[in-house]
Amino acid sequence: MTKRLLAMLMAMGLAAGLAGCNTLAGAGKDIQQGGEAVEDAARDVQSSY
């Protein structure tokens, strides 16, 4: 029973850790795309002067 519980807890911890990594990777991509949009807008404004 104890081994089974420990295995379940380890599996749940691993799943939570992997989900957290994917969430952070997705947030990083979103932030990067936002930064690229700001850069593009700045270039447009700069070229209009």
C-alpha atoms as a PDB file:
ATOM      1  CA  MET A   1       0.000   0.000   0.000  1.00  0.00           C
ATOM      2  CA  THR A   2       2.777   2.452   0.886  1.00  0.00           C
ATOM      3  CA  LYS A   3       4.684   1.738  -2.341  1.00  0.00           C
ATOM      4  CA  ARG A   4       1.517   2.243  -4.353  1.00  0.00           C
ATOM      5  CA  LEU A   5       0.791   5.568  -2.646  1.00  0.00           C
ATOM      6  CA  LEU A   6       4.365   6.727  -3.146  1.00  0.00           C
ATOM      7  CA  ALA A   7       4.241   5.777  -6.835  1.00  0.00           C
ATOM      8  CA  MET A   8       0.967   7.676  -7.260  1.00  0.00           C
ATOM      9  CA  LEU A   9       2.362  10.771  -5.569  1.00  0.00           C
ATOM     10  CA  MET A  10       5.492  10.653  -7.709  1.00  0.00           C
ATOM     11  CA  ALA A  11       3.429  10.308 -10.895  1.00  0.00           C
ATOM     12  CA  MET A  12       1.212  13.228  -9.895  1.00  0.00           C
ATOM     13  CA  GLY A  13       4.255  15.351  -9.080  1.00  0.00           C
ATOM     14  CA  LEU A  14       5.849  14.528 -12.418  1.00  0.00           C
ATOM     15  CA  ALA A  15       2.646  15.380 -14.288  1.00  0.00           C
ATOM     16  CA  ALA A  16       2.313  18.695 -12.446  1.00  0.00           C
ATOM     17  CA  GLY A  17       5.943  19.543 -13.134  1.00  0.00           C
ATOM     18  CA  LEU A  18       5.635  18.830 -16.841  1.00  0.00           C
ATOM     19  CA  ALA A  19       2.416  20.826 -17.087  1.00  0.00           C
ATOM     20  CA  GLY A  20       4.113  23.749 -15.364  1.00  0.00           C
ATOM     21  CA  CYS A  21       7.027  23.656 -17.806  1.00  0.00           C
ATOM     22  CA  ASN A  22       4.683  23.713 -20.794  1.00  0.00           C
ATOM     23  CA  THR A  23       2.725  26.581 -19.281  1.00  0.00           C
ATOM     24  CA  LEU A  24       5.878  28.641 -18.797  1.00  0.00           C
ATOM     25  CA  ALA A  25       7.074  27.849 -22.306  1.00  0.00           C
ATOM     26  CA  GLY A  26       3.742  29.009 -23.717  1.00  0.00           C
ATOM     27  CA  ALA A  27       3.860  32.205 -21.685  1.00  0.00           C
ATOM     28  CA  GLY A  28       7.381  32.873 -22.928  1.00  0.00           C
ATOM     29  CA  LYS A  29       6.247  32.525 -26.537  1.00  0.00           C
ATOM     30  CA  ASP A  30       3.317  34.883 -25.926  1.00  0.00           C
ATOM     31  CA  ILE A  31       5.600  37.483 -24.360  1.00  0.00           C
ATOM     32  CA  GLN A  32       8.063  37.136 -27.232  1.00  0.00           C
ATOM     33  CA  GLN A  33       5.305  37.669 -29.805  1.00  0.00           C
ATOM     34  CA  GLY A  34       4.113  40.727 -27.894  1.00  0.00           C
ATOM     35  CA  GLY A  35       7.635  42.140 -27.921  1.00  0.00           C
ATOM     36  CA  GLU A  36       7.927  41.550 -31.655  1.00  0.00           C
ATOM     37  CA  ALA A  37       4.640  43.415 -32.209  1.00  0.00           C
ATOM     38  CA  VAL A  38       5.966  46.377 -30.210  1.00  0.00           C
ATOM     39  CA  GLU A  39       9.191  46.343 -32.245  1.00  0.00           C
ATOM     40  CA  ASP A  40       7.225  46.305 -35.499  1.00  0.00           C
ATOM     41  CA  ALA A  41       5.067  49.213 -34.355  1.00  0.00           C
ATOM     42  CA  ALA A  42       8.158  51.175 -33.317  1.00  0.00           C
ATOM     43  CA  ARG A  43       9.749  50.578 -36.725  1.00  0.00           C
ATOM     44  CA  ASP A  44       6.563  51.766 -38.454  1.00  0.00           C
ATOM     45  CA  VAL A  45       6.510  54.958 -36.399  1.00  0.00           C
ATOM     46  CA  GLN A  46      10.223  55.540 -36.951  1.00  0.00           C
ATOM     47  CA  SER A  47       9.931  55.084 -40.716  1.00  0.00           C
ATOM     48  CA  SER A  48       7.011  57.534 -40.891  1.00  0.00           C
ATOM     49  CA  TYR A  49       9.219  60.420 -39.664  1.00  0.00           C
END
